[in-house]
Amino acid sequence: IRCDVSKEDEVKALMDAALKTFGRIDILVNNAGFGISGAI
């Protein structure tokens, strides 16, 4: 499921879809992230 985790409405839609598909959520792994390099 496509979801930008920084957008609360997309996160809600993700959770709604997960519940609709599987009926429950037992584990959440917050792995999304990225890095930027360079001088401050």
PDB file of all heavy atoms in Angstrom:
ATOM      1  N   ILE A   1       0.851  -1.190   0.000  1.00  0.00           N
ATOM      2  CA  ILE A   1       0.000   0.000   0.000  1.00  0.00           C
ATOM      3  C   ILE A   1       0.885   1.238   0.000  1.00  0.00           C
ATOM      4  O   ILE A   1       1.748   1.388   0.868  1.00  0.00           O
ATOM      5  CB  ILE A   1      -0.940   0.019   1.223  1.00  0.00           C
ATOM      6  CG1 ILE A   1      -1.839  -1.222   1.218  1.00  0.00           C
ATOM      7  CG2 ILE A   1      -1.760   1.307   1.248  1.00  0.00           C
ATOM      8  CD1 ILE A   1      -2.700  -1.380   2.447  1.00  0.00           C
ATOM      9  N   ARG A   2       0.627   2.115  -0.951  1.00  0.00           N
ATOM     10  CA  ARG A   2       1.381   3.376  -1.034  1.00  0.00           C
ATOM     11  C   ARG A   2       0.920   4.288   0.097  1.00  0.00           C
ATOM     12  O   ARG A   2      -0.267   4.467   0.313  1.00  0.00           O
ATOM     13  CB  ARG A   2       1.133   4.038  -2.381  1.00  0.00           C
ATOM     14  CG  ARG A   2       1.948   5.282  -2.582  1.00  0.00           C
ATOM     15  CD  ARG A   2       1.698   5.853  -3.987  1.00  0.00           C
ATOM     16  NE  ARG A   2       2.668   6.857  -4.302  1.00  0.00           N
ATOM     17  CZ  ARG A   2       3.896   6.632  -4.751  1.00  0.00           C
ATOM     18  NH1 ARG A   2       4.305   5.401  -4.930  1.00  0.00           N
ATOM     19  NH2 ARG A   2       4.722   7.626  -4.997  1.00  0.00           N
ATOM     20  N   CYS A   3       1.907   4.860   0.819  1.00  0.00           N
ATOM     21  CA  CYS A   3       1.589   5.745   1.930  1.00  0.00           C
ATOM     22  C   CYS A   3       2.789   6.614   2.255  1.00  0.00           C
ATOM     23  O   CYS A   3       3.884   6.103   2.465  1.00  0.00           O
ATOM     24  CB  CYS A   3       1.197   4.924   3.169  1.00  0.00           C
ATOM     25  SG  CYS A   3       0.922   5.909   4.654  1.00  0.00           S
ATOM     26  N   ASP A   4       2.566   7.910   2.293  1.00  0.00           N
ATOM     27  CA  ASP A   4       3.571   8.849   2.788  1.00  0.00           C
ATOM     28  C   ASP A   4       3.323   8.980   4.289  1.00  0.00           C
ATOM     29  O   ASP A   4       2.329   9.574   4.704  1.00  0.00           O
ATOM     30  CB  ASP A   4       3.431  10.196   2.083  1.00  0.00           C
ATOM     31  CG  ASP A   4       4.436  11.235   2.554  1.00  0.00           C
ATOM     32  OD1 ASP A   4       5.007  11.086   3.662  1.00  0.00           O
ATOM     33  OD2 ASP A   4       4.634  12.222   1.826  1.00  0.00           O
ATOM     34  N   VAL A   5       4.191   8.411   5.097  1.00  0.00           N
ATOM     35  CA  VAL A   5       3.970   8.366   6.544  1.00  0.00           C
ATOM     36  C   VAL A   5       3.951   9.747   7.187  1.00  0.00           C
ATOM     37  O   VAL A   5       3.490   9.894   8.314  1.00  0.00           O
ATOM     38  CB  VAL A   5       4.999   7.458   7.256  1.00  0.00           C
ATOM     39  CG1 VAL A   5       4.841   6.005   6.805  1.00  0.00           C
ATOM     40  CG2 VAL A   5       6.424   7.951   7.054  1.00  0.00           C
ATOM     41  N   SER A   6       4.424  10.755   6.470  1.00  0.00           N
ATOM     42  CA  SER A   6       4.397  12.113   7.027  1.00  0.00           C
ATOM     43  C   SER A   6       3.029  12.769   6.894  1.00  0.00           C
ATOM     44  O   SER A   6       2.806  13.846   7.430  1.00  0.00           O
ATOM     45  CB  SER A   6       5.465  12.989   6.356  1.00  0.00           C
ATOM     46  OG  SER A   6       5.107  13.292   5.028  1.00  0.00           O
ATOM     47  N   LYS A   7       2.102  12.097   6.212  1.00  0.00           N
ATOM     48  CA  LYS A   7       0.753  12.641   5.999  1.00  0.00           C
ATOM     49  C   LYS A   7      -0.260  11.820   6.786  1.00  0.00           C
ATOM     50  O   LYS A   7      -0.502  10.649   6.484  1.00  0.00           O
ATOM     51  CB  LYS A   7       0.420  12.650   4.516  1.00  0.00           C
ATOM     52  CG  LYS A   7       1.355  13.554   3.735  1.00  0.00           C
ATOM     53  CD  LYS A   7       1.033  13.580   2.274  1.00  0.00           C
ATOM     54  CE  LYS A   7       1.996  14.540   1.574  1.00  0.00           C
ATOM     55  NZ  LYS A   7       1.835  14.494   0.135  1.00  0.00           N
ATOM     56  N   GLU A   8      -0.846  12.450   7.795  1.00  0.00           N
ATOM     57  CA  GLU A   8      -1.751  11.741   8.698  1.00  0.00           C
ATOM     58  C   GLU A   8      -2.930  11.100   7.980  1.00  0.00           C
ATOM     59  O   GLU A   8      -3.349   9.991   8.349  1.00  0.00           O
ATOM     60  CB  GLU A   8      -2.244  12.681   9.797  1.00  0.00           C
ATOM     61  CG  GLU A   8      -1.148  13.076  10.773  1.00  0.00           C
ATOM     62  CD  GLU A   8      -1.644  13.993  11.872  1.00  0.00           C
ATOM     63  OE1 GLU A   8      -2.645  13.647  12.531  1.00  0.00           O
ATOM     64  OE2 GLU A   8      -1.022  15.061  12.076  1.00  0.00           O
ATOM     65  N   ASP A   9      -3.480  11.749   6.962  1.00  0.00           N
ATOM     66  CA  ASP A   9      -4.615  11.173   6.246  1.00  0.00           C
ATOM     67  C   ASP A   9      -4.221   9.904   5.500  1.00  0.00           C
ATOM     68  O   ASP A   9      -4.995   8.940   5.444  1.00  0.00           O
ATOM     69  CB  ASP A   9      -5.260  12.193   5.305  1.00  0.00           C
ATOM     70  CG  ASP A   9      -4.302  12.738   4.254  1.00  0.00           C
ATOM     71  OD1 ASP A   9      -3.082  12.828   4.514  1.00  0.00           O
ATOM     72  OD2 ASP A   9      -4.784  13.092   3.150  1.00  0.00           O
ATOM     73  N   GLU A  10      -3.010   9.865   4.959  1.00  0.00           N
ATOM     74  CA  GLU A  10      -2.545   8.657   4.276  1.00  0.00           C
ATOM     75  C   GLU A  10      -2.262   7.540   5.277  1.00  0.00           C
ATOM     76  O   GLU A  10      -2.505   6.362   4.988  1.00  0.00           O
ATOM     77  CB  GLU A  10      -1.311   8.955   3.423  1.00  0.00           C
ATOM     78  CG  GLU A  10      -1.628   9.825   2.218  1.00  0.00           C
ATOM     79  CD  GLU A  10      -0.476   9.974   1.255  1.00  0.00           C
ATOM     80  OE1 GLU A  10       0.404   9.073   1.193  1.00  0.00           O
ATOM     81  OE2 GLU A  10      -0.448  10.991   0.537  1.00  0.00           O
ATOM     82  N   VAL A  11      -1.754   7.882   6.451  1.00  0.00           N
ATOM     83  CA  VAL A  11      -1.515   6.880   7.498  1.00  0.00           C
ATOM     84  C   VAL A  11      -2.845   6.271   7.945  1.00  0.00           C
ATOM     85  O   VAL A  11      -2.960   5.058   8.083  1.00  0.00           O
ATOM     86  CB  VAL A  11      -0.754   7.506   8.687  1.00  0.00           C
ATOM     87  CG1 VAL A  11      -0.746   6.579   9.889  1.00  0.00           C
ATOM     88  CG2 VAL A  11       0.673   7.857   8.275  1.00  0.00           C
ATOM     89  N   LYS A  12      -3.865   7.115   8.131  1.00  0.00           N
ATOM     90  CA  LYS A  12      -5.189   6.608   8.524  1.00  0.00           C
ATOM     91  C   LYS A  12      -5.733   5.673   7.450  1.00  0.00           C
ATOM     92  O   LYS A  12      -6.258   4.600   7.757  1.00  0.00           O
ATOM     93  CB  LYS A  12      -6.159   7.743   8.779  1.00  0.00           C
ATOM     94  CG  LYS A  12      -7.525   7.232   9.237  1.00  0.00           C
ATOM     95  CD  LYS A  12      -8.516   8.326   9.511  1.00  0.00           C
ATOM     96  CE  LYS A  12      -9.871   7.846   9.952  1.00  0.00           C
ATOM     97  NZ  LYS A  12     -10.281   6.501   9.710  1.00  0.00           N
ATOM     98  N   ALA A  13      -5.589   6.064   6.191  1.00  0.00           N
ATOM     99  CA  ALA A  13      -6.062   5.208   5.095  1.00  0.00           C
ATOM    100  C   ALA A  13      -5.321   3.875   5.067  1.00  0.00           C
ATOM    101  O   ALA A  13      -5.920   2.826   4.814  1.00  0.00           O
ATOM    102  CB  ALA A  13      -5.913   5.936   3.761  1.00  0.00           C
ATOM    103  N   LEU A  14      -4.023   3.899   5.349  1.00  0.00           N
ATOM    104  CA  LEU A  14      -3.229   2.669   5.418  1.00  0.00           C
ATOM    105  C   LEU A  14      -3.758   1.750   6.516  1.00  0.00           C
ATOM    106  O   LEU A  14      -3.972   0.552   6.294  1.00  0.00           O
ATOM    107  CB  LEU A  14      -1.758   3.000   5.675  1.00  0.00           C
ATOM    108  CG  LEU A  14      -0.833   1.822   6.006  1.00  0.00           C
ATOM    109  CD1 LEU A  14      -0.597   0.956   4.779  1.00  0.00           C
ATOM    110  CD2 LEU A  14       0.479   2.315   6.574  1.00  0.00           C
ATOM    111  N   MET A  15      -3.969   2.306   7.699  1.00  0.00           N
ATOM    112  CA  MET A  15      -4.464   1.499   8.819  1.00  0.00           C
ATOM    113  C   MET A  15      -5.861   0.952   8.522  1.00  0.00           C
ATOM    114  O   MET A  15      -6.146  -0.216   8.814  1.00  0.00           O
ATOM    115  CB  MET A  15      -4.478   2.316  10.106  1.00  0.00           C
ATOM    116  CG  MET A  15      -3.103   2.695  10.602  1.00  0.00           C
ATOM    117  SD  MET A  15      -2.113   1.231  10.974  1.00  0.00           S
ATOM    118  CE  MET A  15      -0.588   2.011  11.450  1.00  0.00           C
ATOM    119  N   ASP A  16      -6.718   1.782   7.942  1.00  0.00           N
ATOM    120  CA  ASP A  16      -8.071   1.329   7.581  1.00  0.00           C
ATOM    121  C   ASP A  16      -8.001   0.172   6.586  1.00  0.00           C
ATOM    122  O   ASP A  16      -8.714  -0.822   6.722  1.00  0.00           O
ATOM    123  CB  ASP A  16      -8.895   2.476   6.994  1.00  0.00           C
ATOM    124  CG  ASP A  16      -9.289   3.523   8.026  1.00  0.00           C
ATOM    125  OD1 ASP A  16      -9.163   3.268   9.246  1.00  0.00           O
ATOM    126  OD2 ASP A  16      -9.721   4.621   7.598  1.00  0.00           O
ATOM    127  N   ALA A  17      -7.116   0.290   5.588  1.00  0.00           N
ATOM    128  CA  ALA A  17      -6.962  -0.771   4.591  1.00  0.00           C
ATOM    129  C   ALA A  17      -6.413  -2.050   5.215  1.00  0.00           C
ATOM    130  O   ALA A  17      -6.871  -3.155   4.892  1.00  0.00           O
ATOM    131  CB  ALA A  17      -6.051  -0.303   3.458  1.00  0.00           C
ATOM    132  N   ALA A  18      -5.453  -1.914   6.115  1.00  0.00           N
ATOM    133  CA  ALA A  18      -4.896  -3.095   6.792  1.00  0.00           C
ATOM    134  C   ALA A  18      -5.967  -3.806   7.606  1.00  0.00           C
ATOM    135  O   ALA A  18      -6.088  -5.036   7.567  1.00  0.00           O
ATOM    136  CB  ALA A  18      -3.720  -2.687   7.677  1.00  0.00           C
ATOM    137  N   LEU A  19      -6.767  -3.027   8.336  1.00  0.00           N
ATOM    138  CA  LEU A  19      -7.845  -3.627   9.138  1.00  0.00           C
ATOM    139  C   LEU A  19      -8.907  -4.265   8.262  1.00  0.00           C
ATOM    140  O   LEU A  19      -9.420  -5.344   8.578  1.00  0.00           O
ATOM    141  CB  LEU A  19      -8.472  -2.577  10.055  1.00  0.00           C
ATOM    142  CG  LEU A  19      -7.638  -2.175  11.266  1.00  0.00           C
ATOM    143  CD1 LEU A  19      -8.291  -1.006  11.996  1.00  0.00           C
ATOM    144  CD2 LEU A  19      -7.436  -3.350  12.208  1.00  0.00           C
ATOM    145  N   LYS A  20      -9.248  -3.596   7.173  1.00  0.00           N
ATOM    146  CA  LYS A  20     -10.260  -4.146   6.268  1.00  0.00           C
ATOM    147  C   LYS A  20      -9.776  -5.450   5.640  1.00  0.00           C
ATOM    148  O   LYS A  20     -10.539  -6.398   5.495  1.00  0.00           O
ATOM    149  CB  LYS A  20     -10.597  -3.132   5.177  1.00  0.00           C
ATOM    150  CG  LYS A  20     -11.692  -3.587   4.247  1.00  0.00           C
ATOM    151  CD  LYS A  20     -12.042  -2.524   3.221  1.00  0.00           C
ATOM    152  CE  LYS A  20     -13.161  -3.029   2.328  1.00  0.00           C
ATOM    153  NZ  LYS A  20     -13.500  -2.075   1.277  1.00  0.00           N
ATOM    154  N   THR A  21      -8.492  -5.504   5.299  1.00  0.00           N
ATOM    155  CA  THR A  21      -7.929  -6.690   4.646  1.00  0.00           C
ATOM    156  C   THR A  21      -7.711  -7.844   5.613  1.00  0.00           C
ATOM    157  O   THR A  21      -8.044  -8.995   5.314  1.00  0.00           O
ATOM    158  CB  THR A  21      -6.590  -6.334   3.957  1.00  0.00           C
ATOM    159  OG1 THR A  21      -6.816  -5.267   3.040  1.00  0.00           O
ATOM    160  CG2 THR A  21      -6.015  -7.528   3.229  1.00  0.00           C
ATOM    161  N   PHE A  22      -7.158  -7.560   6.801  1.00  0.00           N
ATOM    162  CA  PHE A  22      -6.750  -8.633   7.709  1.00  0.00           C
ATOM    163  C   PHE A  22      -7.476  -8.658   9.049  1.00  0.00           C
ATOM    164  O   PHE A  22      -7.307  -9.609   9.809  1.00  0.00           O
ATOM    165  CB  PHE A  22      -5.237  -8.573   7.939  1.00  0.00           C
ATOM    166  CG  PHE A  22      -4.440  -8.825   6.691  1.00  0.00           C
ATOM    167  CD1 PHE A  22      -3.673  -7.826   6.124  1.00  0.00           C
ATOM    168  CD2 PHE A  22      -4.476 -10.066   6.070  1.00  0.00           C
ATOM    169  CE1 PHE A  22      -2.932  -8.053   4.967  1.00  0.00           C
ATOM    170  CE2 PHE A  22      -3.753 -10.307   4.915  1.00  0.00           C
ATOM    171  CZ  PHE A  22      -2.976  -9.298   4.359  1.00  0.00           C
ATOM    172  N   GLY A  23      -8.224  -7.601   9.381  1.00  0.00           N
ATOM    173  CA  GLY A  23      -9.031  -7.608  10.605  1.00  0.00           C
ATOM    174  C   GLY A  23      -8.312  -7.201  11.873  1.00  0.00           C
ATOM    175  O   GLY A  23      -8.950  -7.000  12.897  1.00  0.00           O
ATOM    176  N   ARG A  24      -6.999  -7.073  11.815  1.00  0.00           N
ATOM    177  CA  ARG A  24      -6.240  -6.697  13.007  1.00  0.00           C
ATOM    178  C   ARG A  24      -4.833  -6.266  12.617  1.00  0.00           C
ATOM    179  O   ARG A  24      -4.379  -6.550  11.511  1.00  0.00           O
ATOM    180  CB  ARG A  24      -6.195  -7.825  14.022  1.00  0.00           C
ATOM    181  CG  ARG A  24      -5.569  -9.108  13.543  1.00  0.00           C
ATOM    182  CD  ARG A  24      -5.652 -10.249  14.564  1.00  0.00           C
ATOM    183  NE  ARG A  24      -4.934  -9.920  15.786  1.00  0.00           N
ATOM    184  CZ  ARG A  24      -5.514  -9.768  16.985  1.00  0.00           C
ATOM    185  NH1 ARG A  24      -6.808  -9.938  17.125  1.00  0.00           N
ATOM    186  NH2 ARG A  24      -4.794  -9.476  18.044  1.00  0.00           N
ATOM    187  N   ILE A  25      -4.156  -5.605  13.547  1.00  0.00           N
ATOM    188  CA  ILE A  25      -2.749  -5.237  13.375  1.00  0.00           C
ATOM    189  C   ILE A  25      -2.046  -5.604  14.674  1.00  0.00           C
ATOM    190  O   ILE A  25      -2.354  -5.054  15.721  1.00  0.00           O
ATOM    191  CB  ILE A  25      -2.574  -3.736  13.077  1.00  0.00           C
ATOM    192  CG1 ILE A  25      -3.327  -3.346  11.793  1.00  0.00           C
ATOM    193  CG2 ILE A  25      -1.083  -3.386  12.964  1.00  0.00           C
ATOM    194  CD1 ILE A  25      -3.424  -1.859  11.564  1.00  0.00           C
ATOM    195  N   ASP A  26      -1.146  -6.558  14.586  1.00  0.00           N
ATOM    196  CA  ASP A  26      -0.451  -7.053  15.773  1.00  0.00           C
ATOM    197  C   ASP A  26       0.957  -6.493  15.927  1.00  0.00           C
ATOM    198  O   ASP A  26       1.479  -6.417  17.036  1.00  0.00           O
ATOM    199  CB  ASP A  26      -0.359  -8.584  15.715  1.00  0.00           C
ATOM    200  CG  ASP A  26      -1.726  -9.209  15.615  1.00  0.00           C
ATOM    201  OD1 ASP A  26      -2.451  -9.209  16.628  1.00  0.00           O
ATOM    202  OD2 ASP A  26      -2.092  -9.670  14.512  1.00  0.00           O
ATOM    203  N   ILE A  27       1.572  -6.149  14.796  1.00  0.00           N
ATOM    204  CA  ILE A  27       2.961  -5.703  14.795  1.00  0.00           C
ATOM    205  C   ILE A  27       3.073  -4.490  13.881  1.00  0.00           C
ATOM    206  O   ILE A  27       2.551  -4.502  12.766  1.00  0.00           O
ATOM    207  CB  ILE A  27       3.900  -6.816  14.269  1.00  0.00           C
ATOM    208  CG1 ILE A  27       3.767  -8.086  15.110  1.00  0.00           C
ATOM    209  CG2 ILE A  27       5.353  -6.333  14.222  1.00  0.00           C
ATOM    210  CD1 ILE A  27       4.311  -9.338  14.434  1.00  0.00           C
ATOM    211  N   LEU A  28       3.760  -3.473  14.364  1.00  0.00           N
ATOM    212  CA  LEU A  28       4.100  -2.322  13.530  1.00  0.00           C
ATOM    213  C   LEU A  28       5.608  -2.157  13.571  1.00  0.00           C
ATOM    214  O   LEU A  28       6.195  -2.057  14.653  1.00  0.00           O
ATOM    215  CB  LEU A  28       3.437  -1.040  14.042  1.00  0.00           C
ATOM    216  CG  LEU A  28       3.922   0.267  13.403  1.00  0.00           C
ATOM    217  CD1 LEU A  28       3.647   0.299  11.900  1.00  0.00           C
ATOM    218  CD2 LEU A  28       3.290   1.465  14.106  1.00  0.00           C
ATOM    219  N   VAL A  29       6.225  -2.150  12.399  1.00  0.00           N
ATOM    220  CA  VAL A  29       7.650  -1.881  12.295  1.00  0.00           C
ATOM    221  C   VAL A  29       7.811  -0.549  11.561  1.00  0.00           C
ATOM    222  O   VAL A  29       7.511  -0.448  10.374  1.00  0.00           O
ATOM    223  CB  VAL A  29       8.414  -2.998  11.543  1.00  0.00           C
ATOM    224  CG1 VAL A  29       9.904  -2.670  11.466  1.00  0.00           C
ATOM    225  CG2 VAL A  29       8.198  -4.347  12.221  1.00  0.00           C
ATOM    226  N   ASN A  30       8.244   0.462  12.295  1.00  0.00           N
ATOM    227  CA  ASN A  30       8.487   1.790  11.735  1.00  0.00           C
ATOM    228  C   ASN A  30       9.899   1.825  11.171  1.00  0.00           C
ATOM    229  O   ASN A  30      10.854   2.126  11.877  1.00  0.00           O
ATOM    230  CB  ASN A  30       8.313   2.869  12.815  1.00  0.00           C
ATOM    231  CG  ASN A  30       6.866   3.134  13.107  1.00  0.00           C
ATOM    232  OD1 ASN A  30       6.088   3.456  12.218  1.00  0.00           O
ATOM    233  ND2 ASN A  30       6.492   2.991  14.370  1.00  0.00           N
ATOM    234  N   ASN A  31      10.007   1.500   9.900  1.00  0.00           N
ATOM    235  CA  ASN A  31      11.293   1.397   9.233  1.00  0.00           C
ATOM    236  C   ASN A  31      11.513   2.510   8.205  1.00  0.00           C
ATOM    237  O   ASN A  31      12.639   2.756   7.803  1.00  0.00           O
ATOM    238  CB  ASN A  31      11.392   0.025   8.549  1.00  0.00           C
ATOM    239  CG  ASN A  31      12.657  -0.126   7.758  1.00  0.00           C
ATOM    240  OD1 ASN A  31      13.744  -0.170   8.310  1.00  0.00           O
ATOM    241  ND2 ASN A  31      12.522  -0.191   6.440  1.00  0.00           N
ATOM    242  N   ALA A  32      10.466   3.192   7.786  1.00  0.00           N
ATOM    243  CA  ALA A  32      10.586   4.209   6.733  1.00  0.00           C
ATOM    244  C   ALA A  32      11.566   5.294   7.153  1.00  0.00           C
ATOM    245  O   ALA A  32      11.577   5.723   8.304  1.00  0.00           O
ATOM    246  CB  ALA A  32       9.228   4.831   6.433  1.00  0.00           C
ATOM    247  N   GLY A  33      12.378   5.703   6.218  1.00  0.00           N
ATOM    248  CA  GLY A  33      13.325   6.772   6.488  1.00  0.00           C
ATOM    249  C   GLY A  33      14.265   6.954   5.327  1.00  0.00           C
ATOM    250  O   GLY A  33      14.328   6.121   4.422  1.00  0.00           O
ATOM    251  N   PHE A  34      14.981   8.063   5.362  1.00  0.00           N
ATOM    252  CA  PHE A  34      15.983   8.313   4.333  1.00  0.00           C
ATOM    253  C   PHE A  34      17.061   9.207   4.909  1.00  0.00           C
ATOM    254  O   PHE A  34      16.890   9.806   5.971  1.00  0.00           O
ATOM    255  CB  PHE A  34      15.357   8.930   3.074  1.00  0.00           C
ATOM    256  CG  PHE A  34      14.912  10.360   3.241  1.00  0.00           C
ATOM    257  CD1 PHE A  34      15.729  11.411   2.830  1.00  0.00           C
ATOM    258  CD2 PHE A  34      13.671  10.662   3.792  1.00  0.00           C
ATOM    259  CE1 PHE A  34      15.320  12.730   2.980  1.00  0.00           C
ATOM    260  CE2 PHE A  34      13.255  11.976   3.938  1.00  0.00           C
ATOM    261  CZ  PHE A  34      14.083  13.021   3.534  1.00  0.00           C
ATOM    262  N   GLY A  35      18.162   9.278   4.208  1.00  0.00           N
ATOM    263  CA  GLY A  35      19.279  10.102   4.650  1.00  0.00           C
ATOM    264  C   GLY A  35      19.624  11.162   3.617  1.00  0.00           C
ATOM    265  O   GLY A  35      19.403  10.967   2.432  1.00  0.00           O
ATOM    266  N   ILE A  36      20.125  12.263   4.105  1.00  0.00           N
ATOM    267  CA  ILE A  36      20.696  13.280   3.224  1.00  0.00           C
ATOM    268  C   ILE A  36      22.103  13.565   3.725  1.00  0.00           C
ATOM    269  O   ILE A  36      22.363  13.519   4.921  1.00  0.00           O
ATOM    270  CB  ILE A  36      19.860  14.583   3.175  1.00  0.00           C
ATOM    271  CG1 ILE A  36      19.548  15.126   4.570  1.00  0.00           C
ATOM    272  CG2 ILE A  36      18.582  14.373   2.386  1.00  0.00           C
ATOM    273  CD1 ILE A  36      18.788  16.443   4.585  1.00  0.00           C
ATOM    274  N   SER A  37      22.985  13.817   2.796  1.00  0.00           N
ATOM    275  CA  SER A  37      24.383  14.057   3.160  1.00  0.00           C
ATOM    276  C   SER A  37      24.790  15.465   2.766  1.00  0.00           C
ATOM    277  O   SER A  37      24.277  16.022   1.804  1.00  0.00           O
ATOM    278  CB  SER A  37      25.297  13.067   2.435  1.00  0.00           C
ATOM    279  OG  SER A  37      25.020  11.761   2.843  1.00  0.00           O
ATOM    280  N   GLY A  38      25.727  15.994   3.501  1.00  0.00           N
ATOM    281  CA  GLY A  38      26.292  17.285   3.157  1.00  0.00           C
ATOM    282  C   GLY A  38      26.509  18.132   4.385  1.00  0.00           C
ATOM    283  O   GLY A  38      26.036  17.837   5.475  1.00  0.00           O
ATOM    284  N   ALA A  39      27.246  19.196   4.176  1.00  0.00           N
ATOM    285  CA  ALA A  39      27.506  20.141   5.257  1.00  0.00           C
ATOM    286  C   ALA A  39      26.208  20.844   5.642  1.00  0.00           C
ATOM    287  O   ALA A  39      25.372  21.136   4.789  1.00  0.00           O
ATOM    288  CB  ALA A  39      28.550  21.159   4.815  1.00  0.00           C
ATOM    289  N   ILE A  40      26.051  21.104   6.914  1.00  0.00           N
ATOM    290  CA  ILE A  40      24.828  21.716   7.436  1.00  0.00           C
ATOM    291  C   ILE A  40      24.495  23.013   6.710  1.00  0.00           C
ATOM    292  O   ILE A  40      23.344  23.242   6.331  1.00  0.00           O
ATOM    293  CB  ILE A  40      24.944  21.956   8.956  1.00  0.00           C
ATOM    294  CG1 ILE A  40      25.020  20.621   9.685  1.00  0.00           C
ATOM    295  CG2 ILE A  40      23.786  22.785   9.475  1.00  0.00           C
ATOM    296  CD1 ILE A  40      25.375  20.744  11.150  1.00  0.00           C
TER     297      ILE A  40
END
